[in-house]
C-alpha cells in the first residue's frame, strides 16, 4: 500500500455530466484534466497558471454514470514560463461490487505562468 498512487483529484460523476447515451461527456473529462494539471503545476510553484495546450487526448474507454474517476498527474518538464504535466485518467467501476480500474484517457497539458496582466512570467526567480 505504501507505493500506491495518489490522484491529484478524484470525482464521482453524476447525471448532470451525461450525454443522451448515459456516458459522460468528453468535455467534462477534459475540464477535470485541466483542473488536475493545475493542481500539479501549483506543486512546482504557487503561481497563477493558464492552460496553453492539451496534447494527445485520446479516449480509450467510456466513463459511465456512477464511475469514480481518478486523475493522476506527473510533471514532465519545467520551462522558463511553462510547466508540462501528464494527466492519466482511470475510472473505478463499482457495478459488480468490486472496483475494477479502467484506463480512460491521458493527456499532456502545457500551463503557462502569468502575472496579474496575463503576461507570461518566469516560474523561478
Protein backbone atom coordinates (compact mmCIF):
# COMPACT_ATOMS: atom_id res chain seq x y z
CA UNK A 1 0.00 0.00 0.00
CA UNK A 2 2.92 2.38 0.60
CA UNK A 3 3.64 2.81 -3.13
CA UNK A 4 0.00 3.25 -4.18
CA UNK A 5 -0.53 6.28 -6.42
CA UNK A 6 -2.50 9.20 -5.03
CA UNK A 7 -4.70 11.07 -7.51
CA UNK A 8 -4.44 14.86 -7.87
CA UNK A 9 -8.25 14.86 -7.93
CA UNK A 10 -10.92 12.17 -7.61
CA UNK A 11 -14.54 12.71 -8.71
CA UNK A 12 -17.82 10.83 -8.74
CA UNK A 13 -19.63 11.63 -11.97
CA UNK A 14 -23.33 12.43 -11.77
CA UNK A 15 -26.39 12.52 -14.09
CA UNK A 16 -25.71 16.18 -15.00
CA UNK A 17 -22.42 15.04 -16.60
CA UNK A 18 -24.00 12.54 -19.03
CA UNK A 19 -25.00 12.66 -22.66
CA UNK A 20 -28.14 11.09 -24.17
CA UNK A 21 -26.46 7.65 -24.17
CA UNK A 22 -25.74 7.60 -20.44
CA UNK A 23 -22.00 8.05 -20.75
CA UNK A 24 -20.03 11.04 -19.52
CA UNK A 25 -19.41 13.94 -21.91
CA UNK A 26 -15.78 14.12 -23.08
CA UNK A 27 -15.78 17.82 -22.24
CA UNK A 28 -16.46 17.02 -18.58
CA UNK A 29 -13.39 14.77 -18.53
CA UNK A 30 -11.33 17.49 -20.27
CA UNK A 31 -12.40 20.02 -17.65
CA UNK A 32 -11.20 17.74 -14.85
CA UNK A 33 -7.92 17.07 -16.71
CA UNK A 34 -7.43 20.84 -16.79
CA UNK A 35 -8.07 21.11 -13.04
CA UNK A 36 -5.77 18.19 -12.19
CA UNK A 37 -2.93 19.69 -14.25
CA UNK A 38 -3.32 22.99 -12.38
CA UNK A 39 -3.07 21.16 -9.04
CA UNK A 40 0.20 19.58 -10.20
CA UNK A 41 1.61 22.87 -11.55
CA UNK A 42 0.96 24.55 -8.19
CA UNK A 43 3.34 21.99 -6.63
CA UNK A 44 6.11 23.33 -8.88
CA UNK A 45 5.47 26.92 -7.77
CA UNK A 46 2.35 28.51 -6.23
CA UNK A 47 1.72 30.90 -9.14
CA UNK A 48 -1.15 31.83 -11.46
CA UNK A 49 -1.31 29.49 -14.47
CA UNK A 50 -3.31 29.42 -17.68
CA UNK A 51 -3.71 26.42 -19.95
CA UNK A 52 -1.90 26.81 -23.26
CA UNK A 53 -2.35 23.35 -24.80
CA UNK A 54 -3.68 19.85 -24.29
CA UNK A 55 -1.81 17.30 -26.37
CA UNK A 56 -2.62 13.76 -27.45
CA UNK A 57 -6.03 13.46 -25.82
CA UNK A 58 -7.48 10.13 -26.88
CA UNK A 59 -10.38 8.43 -25.14
CA UNK A 60 -9.74 4.69 -24.73
CA UNK A 61 -12.89 3.72 -22.79
CA UNK A 62 -16.19 5.43 -21.99
CA UNK A 63 -16.87 6.72 -18.49
CA UNK A 64 -20.24 5.69 -17.06
CA UNK A 65 -22.62 7.31 -14.64
CA UNK A 66 -21.52 6.39 -11.11
CA UNK A 67 -17.89 5.75 -12.01
CA UNK A 68 -15.33 7.18 -9.60
CA UNK A 69 -12.71 8.84 -11.79
CA UNK A 70 -9.11 9.32 -10.67
CA UNK A 71 -6.83 11.91 -12.29
CA UNK A 72 -3.14 11.11 -11.70
CA UNK A 73 -0.52 13.73 -12.51
CA UNK A 74 3.20 13.90 -13.15
CA UNK A 75 5.36 16.92 -14.00
CA UNK A 76 7.21 16.16 -17.25
CA UNK A 77 9.00 19.45 -17.94
CA UNK A 78 9.58 22.80 -16.28
CA UNK A 79 10.49 25.59 -18.70
CA UNK A 80 11.18 29.27 -18.13
CA UNK A 81 7.48 30.20 -18.04
CA UNK A 82 5.71 26.86 -18.58
CA UNK A 83 5.06 23.54 -16.90
CA UNK A 84 4.12 20.40 -18.85
CA UNK A 85 2.02 17.92 -16.90
CA UNK A 86 0.97 14.39 -17.85
CA UNK A 87 -2.52 13.51 -16.64
CA UNK A 88 -3.59 9.84 -16.61
CA UNK A 89 -7.26 9.12 -16.05
CA UNK A 90 -8.68 5.88 -14.61
CA UNK A 91 -12.30 5.01 -13.88
CA UNK A 92 -13.26 2.78 -10.96
CA UNK A 93 -16.28 0.71 -11.92
CA UNK A 94 -18.30 -0.50 -8.93
CA UNK A 95 -21.19 -2.20 -10.76
CA UNK A 96 -20.41 -5.73 -9.59
CA UNK A 97 -19.37 -4.71 -6.09
CA UNK A 98 -15.66 -4.65 -6.82
CA UNK A 99 -13.68 -1.65 -8.00
CA UNK A 100 -12.44 -2.60 -11.46
CA UNK A 101 -9.97 0.07 -12.68
CA UNK A 102 -10.07 1.01 -16.34
CA UNK A 103 -7.70 3.39 -18.14
CA UNK A 104 -9.90 6.04 -19.72
CA UNK A 105 -7.52 8.56 -21.26
CA UNK A 106 -4.32 10.51 -20.77
CA UNK A 107 -3.09 13.89 -21.93
CA UNK A 108 -0.16 16.25 -21.74
CA UNK A 109 -1.15 19.73 -20.59
CA UNK A 110 1.05 22.78 -21.02
CA UNK A 111 0.40 25.53 -18.48
CA UNK A 112 1.99 28.98 -18.59
CA UNK A 113 2.68 31.08 -15.51
CA UNK A 114 1.23 34.59 -15.91
CA UNK A 115 1.35 37.87 -14.00
CA UNK A 116 -1.66 39.98 -12.95
CA UNK A 117 -1.94 41.38 -16.50
CA UNK A 118 -1.98 37.91 -18.05
CA UNK A 119 1.57 38.14 -19.47
CA UNK A 120 3.96 35.17 -19.18
CA UNK A 121 6.26 35.42 -16.19
CA UNK A 122 9.23 33.31 -15.08
CA UNK A 123 8.44 30.38 -12.82
CA UNK A 124 11.65 30.70 -10.85
CA UNK A 125 13.25 33.97 -9.85
